[in-house]
Amino acid sequence: MNKKTALIIGITGQDGSYLAELLLSKGYEVHGLIRRASTFNTARIDHLYQDQHEGDVRLKLHYGDLSDGSRLVSLIGELQPQEVYNLGAQSHVRVSFDEPEYTGDVTGLGTTRVLEAVRLASPNSRFYQASSSEMFGATPPPQNEQTPFYPRSPYGAAKVYSYWMTRNYREAYGMFAVNGILFNHESPRRGETFVTRKITRAVARIEAGTQSKLYLGNLDAVRDWGYAPEYVEGMWRMLQHHEPLDYVLATGQPATIRDFLESAFGHAGMNWQDYVEFDPRYLRPTEVDSLIGDASLAGSLLSWSPQTFTPELAKIMVDADRAALAHEGSHWIDSPRFSR
């Protein structure tokens, strides 16, 4: 029986690791594109590793980069994947102000390189583009698939470019190419510099006595936070639908950063106001005040709906950071997981 093959660009990130788990559980052969680095950067997927000398190895990693179009063409041409998920990006909004050119090249033009590689080397592949609620920026909520874009960061602007390139390739070449416009989705695998993980990690460390203060910027920003494993299920469903369409995934439930602080510190029996201090370095030059999504289309066409909301999400992440802190003293040396 022929198993489906998928290529995940950005497999070592939060979403990439959960998506790899999901696809492997469905019997896929999964290939991941990762950047060459002098340190191991596969921690989120090491638990999925299979010895390459064993039979029926279904997770294989390949070196590559969104800045290298020729590598994308050769790899996609060789693999001929049924599905290609582009989750790769410089994805930190605040950092995009410091590195606007790099963000534009990787987050924006990188998508064009993948689309062109699919068009040239595997035109029957179904393509998923990780779009973002940051594209809406200053447009008032609730935001859905018809809401005008008004990005307020280099990251948001690069994602708007990627969104329209994906639509252009779909309309110009008849490719099965979709945009998943995902609102904020978090998990214990979220990077430690993102505000939700920064908060839950601080809760665990303050509780353990290894940290005394948490420094944050704007606490009034309103966000729509969901749970990452549920959102990657939505990504997969988009590529199983009979027609390529663009979808918003969101909970529709607003929460401020103060609300998240309340849930996270409250779960540990602490008052966040005793530990959090303001640092202007974390403010963005242009702020996005409120992002609240309307996922009605995904609900009606994909039967997708969120199950986890901010209070429960904060508890999940705090508990995971508590467990991680308990094992922080354990270190080991591992070897890279590559197919070649």
Protein backbone atom coordinates (compact mmCIF):
# COMPACT_ATOMS: atom_id res chain seq x y z
CA MET A 1 0.00 0.00 0.00
CA ASN A 2 1.38 3.41 -0.95
CA LYS A 3 1.70 5.64 2.11
CA LYS A 4 1.32 9.40 1.80
CA THR A 5 4.47 11.51 1.87
CA ALA A 6 4.62 14.98 3.41
CA LEU A 7 7.37 17.58 3.57
CA ILE A 8 7.34 19.92 6.58
CA ILE A 9 9.43 23.06 6.26
CA GLY A 10 10.02 24.26 9.80
CA ILE A 11 9.66 20.81 11.38
CA THR A 12 11.81 21.73 14.40
CA GLY A 13 9.43 24.50 15.49
CA GLN A 14 6.42 24.22 17.77
CA ASP A 15 3.89 23.63 15.00
CA GLY A 16 6.23 21.50 12.92
CA SER A 17 6.82 19.06 15.75
CA TYR A 18 3.12 18.65 16.51
CA LEU A 19 2.31 18.30 12.81
CA ALA A 20 4.98 15.62 12.42
CA GLU A 21 3.42 13.69 15.31
CA LEU A 22 -0.03 13.98 13.75
CA LEU A 23 1.06 12.86 10.28
CA LEU A 24 3.10 9.94 11.62
CA SER A 25 0.05 8.82 13.61
CA LYS A 26 -1.90 8.81 10.34
CA GLY A 27 0.66 6.60 8.61
CA TYR A 28 2.50 9.24 6.58
CA GLU A 29 6.14 9.17 5.66
CA VAL A 30 7.33 12.54 6.95
CA HIS A 31 10.29 14.52 5.64
CA GLY A 32 11.51 17.61 7.45
CA LEU A 33 13.66 20.49 6.23
CA ILE A 34 16.04 21.88 8.83
CA ARG A 35 18.82 24.43 8.76
CA ARG A 36 22.41 23.41 9.33
CA ALA A 37 23.68 24.61 12.70
CA SER A 38 26.72 23.90 14.85
CA THR A 39 24.45 22.96 17.75
CA PHE A 40 21.63 20.44 17.82
CA ASN A 41 18.28 22.11 17.11
CA THR A 42 16.02 19.07 16.94
CA ALA A 43 14.89 18.89 20.59
CA ARG A 44 11.19 19.19 19.78
CA ILE A 45 11.26 16.15 17.48
CA ASP A 46 13.94 13.94 19.04
CA HIS A 47 11.25 11.77 20.62
CA LEU A 48 10.02 10.93 17.11
CA TYR A 49 13.42 9.76 15.89
CA GLN A 50 13.84 6.27 14.48
CA ASP A 51 17.21 4.62 13.90
CA GLN A 52 17.90 5.12 10.21
CA HIS A 53 19.23 1.55 9.99
CA GLU A 54 15.90 0.06 10.99
CA GLY A 55 13.21 -0.88 8.50
CA ASP A 56 10.19 1.29 7.71
CA VAL A 57 11.74 4.57 8.84
CA ARG A 58 9.00 7.16 8.41
CA LEU A 59 10.71 10.34 9.66
CA LYS A 60 13.60 11.67 7.63
CA LEU A 61 15.36 15.02 7.96
CA HIS A 62 17.14 16.97 5.24
CA TYR A 63 19.34 20.04 5.29
CA GLY A 64 17.96 23.07 3.52
CA ASP A 65 16.93 26.68 3.92
CA LEU A 66 14.19 29.00 2.72
CA SER A 67 16.88 31.26 1.27
CA ASP A 68 18.11 28.50 -1.09
CA GLY A 69 15.66 28.06 -3.95
CA SER A 70 17.73 25.53 -5.87
CA ARG A 71 17.86 23.20 -2.88
CA LEU A 72 14.08 23.42 -2.52
CA VAL A 73 13.60 22.51 -6.18
CA SER A 74 15.93 19.51 -6.01
CA LEU A 75 14.53 18.17 -2.73
CA ILE A 76 10.86 18.56 -3.65
CA GLY A 77 11.56 17.06 -7.06
CA GLU A 78 13.21 14.05 -5.45
CA LEU A 79 10.56 13.47 -2.78
CA GLN A 80 7.43 14.18 -4.86
CA PRO A 81 5.42 14.73 -1.66
CA GLN A 82 1.64 14.65 -1.73
CA GLU A 83 1.62 17.49 0.82
CA VAL A 84 4.02 20.38 1.51
CA TYR A 85 3.62 22.45 4.67
CA ASN A 86 5.54 25.74 4.81
CA LEU A 87 5.82 26.56 8.50
CA GLY A 88 9.29 28.08 8.25
CA ALA A 89 9.81 31.76 9.07
CA GLN A 90 11.55 34.34 11.20
CA SER A 91 8.48 34.31 13.39
CA HIS A 92 9.20 36.68 16.29
CA VAL A 93 7.21 39.87 15.73
CA ARG A 94 9.32 42.13 17.96
CA VAL A 95 12.57 40.84 16.43
CA SER A 96 11.24 41.57 12.94
CA PHE A 97 11.62 45.29 13.68
CA ASP A 98 15.32 44.73 14.36
CA GLU A 99 15.80 42.45 11.34
CA PRO A 100 13.30 43.65 8.72
CA GLU A 101 15.38 42.68 5.68
CA TYR A 102 16.06 39.15 6.93
CA THR A 103 12.42 38.74 7.93
CA GLY A 104 11.30 39.84 4.46
CA ASP A 105 13.70 37.46 2.75
CA VAL A 106 12.88 34.35 4.80
CA THR A 107 9.28 34.92 5.85
CA GLY A 108 8.23 36.59 2.60
CA LEU A 109 10.41 35.58 -0.34
CA GLY A 110 11.01 32.17 1.20
CA THR A 111 7.37 31.31 0.50
CA THR A 112 7.79 32.27 -3.15
CA ARG A 113 10.80 29.97 -3.41
CA VAL A 114 8.78 27.05 -2.03
CA LEU A 115 5.80 27.76 -4.29
CA GLU A 116 8.05 27.95 -7.33
CA ALA A 117 9.80 24.73 -6.34
CA VAL A 118 6.44 22.97 -6.05
CA ARG A 119 5.28 24.40 -9.39
CA LEU A 120 8.42 23.30 -11.20
CA ALA A 121 9.22 20.00 -9.50
CA SER A 122 5.98 18.57 -8.06
CA PRO A 123 2.94 20.50 -9.33
CA ASN A 124 0.43 17.97 -7.99
CA SER A 125 1.56 18.49 -4.39
CA ARG A 126 -0.93 20.16 -2.09
CA PHE A 127 0.64 23.23 -0.45
CA TYR A 128 -0.09 24.78 2.95
CA GLN A 129 1.13 28.27 3.80
CA ALA A 130 1.31 29.30 7.46
CA SER A 131 -0.31 32.72 7.38
CA SER A 132 -0.83 34.76 10.53
CA SER A 133 -3.36 36.90 12.38
CA GLU A 134 -0.60 39.55 12.47
CA MET A 135 -1.60 40.31 8.87
CA PHE A 136 -4.77 41.97 10.22
CA GLY A 137 -2.78 44.25 12.50
CA ALA A 138 -4.74 47.45 13.08
CA THR A 139 -8.00 46.23 11.49
CA PRO A 140 -10.66 46.03 14.24
CA PRO A 141 -11.89 42.59 15.35
CA PRO A 142 -13.47 40.19 14.88
CA GLN A 143 -11.31 39.17 11.91
CA ASN A 144 -12.21 36.50 9.35
CA GLU A 145 -11.26 35.49 5.81
CA GLN A 146 -12.88 38.65 4.37
CA THR A 147 -11.25 41.14 6.75
CA PRO A 148 -8.82 43.63 5.11
CA PHE A 149 -5.16 43.33 6.07
CA TYR A 150 -3.36 46.15 7.88
CA PRO A 151 -0.02 44.74 9.12
CA ARG A 152 1.83 46.64 11.83
CA SER A 153 5.22 44.93 11.72
CA PRO A 154 7.78 43.71 9.17
CA TYR A 155 6.69 40.18 10.12
CA GLY A 156 3.05 40.95 9.40
CA ALA A 157 3.92 42.63 6.11
CA ALA A 158 6.03 39.64 5.03
CA LYS A 159 3.15 37.30 5.86
CA VAL A 160 0.77 39.42 3.76
CA TYR A 161 3.17 39.07 0.81
CA SER A 162 3.27 35.29 1.34
CA TYR A 163 -0.52 35.14 1.56
CA TRP A 164 -1.00 36.88 -1.77
CA MET A 165 1.74 34.87 -3.48
CA THR A 166 0.00 31.68 -2.35
CA ARG A 167 -3.30 32.90 -3.77
CA ASN A 168 -1.59 34.01 -6.97
CA TYR A 169 -0.02 30.59 -7.56
CA ARG A 170 -3.38 28.96 -6.89
CA GLU A 171 -5.18 31.20 -9.38
CA ALA A 172 -2.45 31.45 -12.02
CA TYR A 173 -1.30 27.82 -12.14
CA GLY A 174 -4.24 25.87 -10.70
CA MET A 175 -2.17 24.66 -7.76
CA PHE A 176 -3.81 23.28 -4.64
CA ALA A 177 -2.41 26.02 -2.41
CA VAL A 178 -4.10 27.24 0.78
CA ASN A 179 -3.47 29.81 3.49
CA GLY A 180 -4.13 28.91 7.10
CA ILE A 181 -4.60 32.24 8.89
CA LEU A 182 -3.86 31.06 12.40
CA PHE A 183 -4.40 33.23 15.45
CA ASN A 184 -2.04 32.86 18.40
CA HIS A 185 -1.61 29.24 19.37
CA GLU A 186 0.62 28.15 22.21
CA SER A 187 1.92 25.05 23.98
CA PRO A 188 4.76 23.87 26.22
CA ARG A 189 6.87 23.75 23.03
CA ARG A 190 6.52 27.48 22.41
CA GLY A 191 9.86 29.29 22.20
CA GLU A 192 11.04 30.79 25.47
CA THR A 193 11.18 34.34 24.10
CA PHE A 194 7.46 34.40 23.21
CA VAL A 195 5.36 36.12 25.85
CA THR A 196 3.17 33.18 26.91
CA ARG A 197 6.11 30.83 27.40
CA LYS A 198 8.13 33.59 29.01
CA ILE A 199 5.32 33.95 31.55
CA THR A 200 4.79 30.25 32.31
CA ARG A 201 8.51 29.57 32.53
CA ALA A 202 8.85 32.48 34.97
CA VAL A 203 6.02 31.11 37.11
CA ALA A 204 7.82 27.79 37.46
CA ARG A 205 11.16 29.44 38.22
CA ILE A 206 9.76 31.97 40.69
CA GLU A 207 7.90 29.18 42.47
CA ALA A 208 11.17 27.22 42.67
CA GLY A 209 13.12 30.24 43.91
CA THR A 210 15.44 30.50 40.90
CA GLN A 211 13.95 33.75 39.53
CA SER A 212 12.64 36.84 41.33
CA LYS A 213 11.16 39.12 38.65
CA LEU A 214 9.54 38.94 35.21
CA TYR A 215 9.96 41.90 32.86
CA LEU A 216 7.32 42.54 30.20
CA GLY A 217 6.13 45.27 27.85
CA ASN A 218 2.53 46.04 26.89
CA LEU A 219 0.07 44.15 29.11
CA ASP A 220 -3.06 45.55 27.44
CA ALA A 221 -2.71 43.77 24.08
CA VAL A 222 -5.72 41.55 23.38
CA ARG A 223 -5.04 38.18 21.78
CA ASP A 224 -6.94 35.04 20.81
CA TRP A 225 -4.94 32.17 22.29
CA GLY A 226 -5.51 28.54 21.34
CA TYR A 227 -3.68 25.23 21.77
CA ALA A 228 -1.14 24.37 19.07
CA PRO A 229 -1.90 20.60 18.73
CA GLU A 230 -5.51 21.44 17.86
CA TYR A 231 -4.39 23.96 15.25
CA VAL A 232 -2.12 21.55 13.36
CA GLU A 233 -5.12 19.25 13.02
CA GLY A 234 -6.80 22.18 11.28
CA MET A 235 -3.83 22.57 8.92
CA TRP A 236 -4.10 18.93 7.89
CA ARG A 237 -7.84 19.20 7.35
CA MET A 238 -7.34 22.13 4.98
CA LEU A 239 -5.29 19.94 2.64
CA GLN A 240 -7.86 17.10 2.78
CA HIS A 241 -10.74 19.31 1.63
CA HIS A 242 -11.80 18.86 -2.00
CA GLU A 243 -11.24 22.55 -2.82
CA PRO A 244 -8.28 24.83 -2.00
CA LEU A 245 -9.54 27.64 0.21
CA ASP A 246 -8.13 29.98 2.84
CA TYR A 247 -9.24 29.59 6.47
CA VAL A 248 -9.01 31.40 9.79
CA LEU A 249 -8.33 29.21 12.84
CA ALA A 250 -9.10 30.87 16.16
CA THR A 251 -10.98 30.43 19.43
CA GLY A 252 -12.97 33.64 19.18
CA GLN A 253 -12.25 34.24 22.88
CA PRO A 254 -10.29 37.44 23.70
CA ALA A 255 -7.76 37.66 26.53
CA THR A 256 -5.23 40.31 27.49
CA ILE A 257 -1.69 39.55 28.56
CA ARG A 258 -2.89 40.52 32.05
CA ASP A 259 -5.50 37.76 31.78
CA PHE A 260 -2.82 35.24 30.85
CA LEU A 261 -0.68 36.42 33.78
CA GLU A 262 -3.67 36.01 36.09
CA SER A 263 -4.29 32.45 34.91
CA ALA A 264 -0.63 31.39 34.98
CA PHE A 265 0.38 32.89 38.33
CA GLY A 266 -3.00 32.05 39.84
CA HIS A 267 -2.47 28.39 38.99
CA ALA A 268 0.60 28.51 41.26
CA GLY A 269 -1.23 30.42 43.99
CA MET A 270 0.70 33.65 43.37
CA ASN A 271 -0.25 37.26 42.63
CA TRP A 272 1.43 38.27 39.38
CA GLN A 273 1.59 41.94 40.44
CA ASP A 274 4.17 41.01 43.06
CA TYR A 275 6.61 39.78 40.43
CA VAL A 276 6.01 41.54 37.08
CA GLU A 277 7.75 44.79 36.14
CA PHE A 278 7.56 46.94 33.01
CA ASP A 279 10.47 47.16 30.57
CA PRO A 280 10.06 49.53 27.59
CA ARG A 281 12.53 47.48 25.54
CA TYR A 282 9.77 44.95 24.93
CA LEU A 283 7.40 47.47 23.35
CA ARG A 284 6.90 47.34 19.57
CA PRO A 285 7.33 50.55 17.52
CA THR A 286 3.80 49.94 16.20
CA GLU A 287 1.46 47.89 18.36
CA VAL A 288 -1.36 45.54 17.43
CA ASP A 289 -4.08 46.22 19.96
CA SER A 290 -6.64 43.48 19.41
CA LEU A 291 -6.76 40.21 17.46
CA ILE A 292 -9.91 38.09 17.82
CA GLY A 293 -10.67 35.53 15.13
CA ASP A 294 -13.85 34.18 13.62
CA ALA A 295 -13.31 30.56 12.55
CA SER A 296 -16.85 29.95 11.31
CA LEU A 297 -15.70 28.85 7.84
CA ALA A 298 -13.35 26.20 9.25
CA GLY A 299 -16.14 25.04 11.50
CA SER A 300 -18.64 24.63 8.70
CA LEU A 301 -16.38 23.19 5.97
CA LEU A 302 -13.71 21.35 7.98
CA SER A 303 -15.66 20.49 11.13
CA TRP A 304 -12.84 22.11 13.10
CA SER A 305 -13.40 23.74 16.46
CA PRO A 306 -11.09 24.70 19.35
CA GLN A 307 -11.34 22.81 22.62
CA THR A 308 -8.75 24.59 24.79
CA PHE A 309 -8.97 28.21 25.94
CA THR A 310 -6.70 30.65 27.78
CA PRO A 311 -7.16 29.57 31.43
CA GLU A 312 -6.63 25.88 30.68
CA LEU A 313 -3.83 26.64 28.23
CA ALA A 314 -1.94 28.63 30.87
CA LYS A 315 -2.26 25.74 33.34
CA ILE A 316 -1.00 23.21 30.78
CA MET A 317 2.05 25.35 30.08
CA VAL A 318 2.83 26.10 33.72
CA ASP A 319 2.67 22.41 34.63
CA ALA A 320 4.95 21.53 31.72
CA ASP A 321 7.48 24.19 32.76
CA ARG A 322 7.39 22.91 36.32
CA ALA A 323 8.21 19.43 35.04
CA ALA A 324 10.93 20.77 32.75
CA LEU A 325 12.54 22.70 35.59
CA ALA A 326 12.64 19.55 37.70
CA HIS A 327 14.72 17.87 35.01
CA GLU A 328 16.82 20.90 34.08
CA GLY A 329 19.93 19.38 35.58
CA SER A 330 19.89 16.48 33.15
CA HIS A 331 22.10 16.92 30.09
CA TRP A 332 23.12 14.51 27.41
CA ILE A 333 24.97 14.40 24.11
CA ASP A 334 23.06 13.21 21.08
CA SER A 335 23.76 12.85 17.40
CA PRO A 336 22.05 14.58 14.46
CA ARG A 337 19.11 12.83 12.81
CA PHE A 338 19.68 13.07 9.10
CA SER A 339 18.84 10.85 6.18
CA ARG A 340 21.97 11.89 4.34
